[in-house]
C-alpha atoms as a PDB file:
ATOM      1  CA  MET A   1      64.443 108.441  49.871  1.00  0.00           C
ATOM      2  CA  SER A   2      63.562 111.356  52.135  1.00  0.00           C
ATOM      3  CA  ASN A   3      66.115 113.832  53.479  1.00  0.00           C
ATOM      4  CA  HIS A   4      65.156 112.823  57.020  1.00  0.00           C
ATOM      5  CA  LEU A   5      65.946 109.183  56.307  1.00  0.00           C
ATOM      6  CA  ILE A   6      69.234 110.099  54.603  1.00  0.00           C
ATOM      7  CA  LYS A   7      70.293 112.161  57.642  1.00  0.00           C
ATOM      8  CA  LYS A   8      69.318 109.335  59.957  1.00  0.00           C
ATOM      9  CA  LEU A   9      71.368 106.849  57.923  1.00  0.00           C
ATOM     10  CA  ASP A  10      74.330 109.256  57.856  1.00  0.00           C
ATOM     11  CA  ARG A  11      74.211 109.520  61.653  1.00  0.00           C
ATOM     12  CA  GLU A  12      74.088 105.734  61.911  1.00  0.00           C
ATOM     13  CA  ILE A  13      77.109 105.422  59.600  1.00  0.00           C
ATOM     14  CA  ASP A  14      79.040 107.956  61.704  1.00  0.00           C
ATOM     15  CA  PHE A  15      78.094 106.090  64.881  1.00  0.00           C
ATOM     16  CA  LEU A  16      79.244 102.754  63.440  1.00  0.00           C
ATOM     17  CA  ARG A  17      82.527 104.241  62.169  1.00  0.00           C
ATOM     18  CA  SER A  18      83.192 105.687  65.594  1.00  0.00           C
ATOM     19  CA  ASN A  19      82.513 102.353  67.290  1.00  0.00           C
ATOM     20  CA  ILE A  20      84.713 100.468  64.838  1.00  0.00           C
ATOM     21  CA  GLY A  21      87.519 102.966  65.463  1.00  0.00           C
ATOM     22  CA  PHE A  22      87.126 102.465  69.195  1.00  0.00           C
ATOM     23  CA  GLN A  23      87.219  98.674  68.846  1.00  0.00           C
ATOM     24  CA  VAL A  24      90.370  98.853  66.704  1.00  0.00           C
ATOM     25  CA  SER A  25      91.975 101.093  69.328  1.00  0.00           C
ATOM     26  CA  VAL A  26      91.097  98.658  72.122  1.00  0.00           C
ATOM     27  CA  TYR A  27      92.373  95.721  70.063  1.00  0.00           C
ATOM     28  CA  ASN A  28      95.688  97.484  69.392  1.00  0.00           C
ATOM     29  CA  LYS A  29      96.117  98.329  73.077  1.00  0.00           C
ATOM     30  CA  ILE A  30      95.437  94.711  74.085  1.00  0.00           C
ATOM     31  CA  VAL A  31      97.938  93.333  71.566  1.00  0.00           C
ATOM     32  CA  ASP A  32     100.551  95.912  72.616  1.00  0.00           C
ATOM     33  CA  TRP A  33     100.021  95.053  76.279  1.00  0.00           C
ATOM     34  CA  LEU A  34     100.327  91.307  75.627  1.00  0.00           C
ATOM     35  CA  GLU A  35     103.510  91.823  73.622  1.00  0.00           C
ATOM     36  CA  GLY A  36     104.851  93.965  76.468  1.00  0.00           C
ATOM     37  CA  GLU A  37     104.075  91.195  78.945  1.00  0.00           C
ATOM     38  CA  ILE A  38     106.096  88.774  76.839  1.00  0.00           C
ATOM     39  CA  GLU A  39     109.037  91.138  76.332  1.00  0.00           C
ATOM     40  CA  HIS A  40     109.234  92.846  79.709  1.00  0.00           C
ATOM     41  CA  ASN A  41     107.607  90.551  82.261  1.00  0.00           C
ATOM     42  CA  GLU A  42     110.438  89.899  84.681  1.00  0.00           C
ATOM     43  CA  PRO A  43     110.194  88.648  88.248  1.00  0.00           C
ATOM     44  CA  VAL A  44     113.338  90.501  89.329  1.00  0.00           C
ATOM     45  CA  ILE A  45     113.419  94.056  90.676  1.00  0.00           C
ATOM     46  CA  ASN A  46     116.754  95.456  91.921  1.00  0.00           C
ATOM     47  CA  ASN A  47     118.302  91.958  91.826  1.00  0.00           C
ATOM     48  CA  ILE A  48     115.587  90.624  94.166  1.00  0.00           C
ATOM     49  CA  GLU A  49     113.081  88.072  92.906  1.00  0.00           C
ATOM     50  CA  VAL A  50     109.599  89.477  93.508  1.00  0.00           C
ATOM     51  CA  VAL A  51     106.724  86.998  93.191  1.00  0.00           C
ATOM     52  CA  THR A  52     103.724  86.430  95.402  1.00  0.00           C
ATOM     53  CA  ASP A  53     103.988  82.680  95.855  1.00  0.00           C
ATOM     54  CA  GLY A  54     107.742  82.442  96.351  1.00  0.00           C
ATOM     55  CA  THR A  55     108.237  80.570  93.072  1.00  0.00           C
ATOM     56  CA  TYR A  56     109.051  81.418  89.472  1.00  0.00           C
ATOM     57  CA  ASN A  57     105.702  80.027  88.294  1.00  0.00           C
ATOM     58  CA  ILE A  58     103.732  83.289  88.271  1.00  0.00           C
ATOM     59  CA  HIS A  59     106.229  84.946  85.932  1.00  0.00           C
ATOM     60  CA  VAL A  60     106.245  81.953  83.590  1.00  0.00           C
ATOM     61  CA  GLY A  61     102.457  81.666  83.703  1.00  0.00           C
ATOM     62  CA  ARG A  62     101.928  85.322  82.806  1.00  0.00           C
ATOM     63  CA  THR A  63     104.257  85.040  79.831  1.00  0.00           C
ATOM     64  CA  GLU A  64     102.696  81.793  78.616  1.00  0.00           C
ATOM     65  CA  CYS A  65      99.195  83.245  79.011  1.00  0.00           C
ATOM     66  CA  ALA A  66     100.138  86.323  76.970  1.00  0.00           C
ATOM     67  CA  LYS A  67     101.677  84.147  74.229  1.00  0.00           C
ATOM     68  CA  SER A  68      98.602  81.917  74.189  1.00  0.00           C
ATOM     69  CA  LEU A  69      96.237  84.875  73.908  1.00  0.00           C
ATOM     70  CA  LEU A  70      98.239  86.333  71.016  1.00  0.00           C
ATOM     71  CA  ARG A  71      98.133  82.945  69.219  1.00  0.00           C
ATOM     72  CA  GLN A  72      94.377  82.781  69.759  1.00  0.00           C
ATOM     73  CA  ILE A  73      93.899  86.334  68.416  1.00  0.00           C
ATOM     74  CA  LYS A  74      95.913  85.412  65.312  1.00  0.00           C
ATOM     75  CA  LYS A  75      93.793  82.274  64.860  1.00  0.00           C
ATOM     76  CA  PHE A  76      90.574  84.312  65.097  1.00  0.00           C
ATOM     77  CA  GLU A  77      91.913  86.803  62.544  1.00  0.00           C
ATOM     78  CA  GLU A  78      92.649  84.010  60.076  1.00  0.00           C
ATOM     79  CA  GLU A  79      89.140  82.542  60.305  1.00  0.00           C
END
């Protein structure tokens, strides 16, 4: 194998490692954000309920969506 080909393959390996690292970072940020939505998503600010449609449904929907996405991520990881 030529030195040129070896250098080219080394650059490709470095590029792939970098991209994998980036994808892992994005994945971790998404999971952290979803967990934060579940733990800290509250419709009340200063004892006043703050929602855009005047109901509790948006708060509940956001939490349920975050839980559902985390379940789906876990399912994909197990496959």
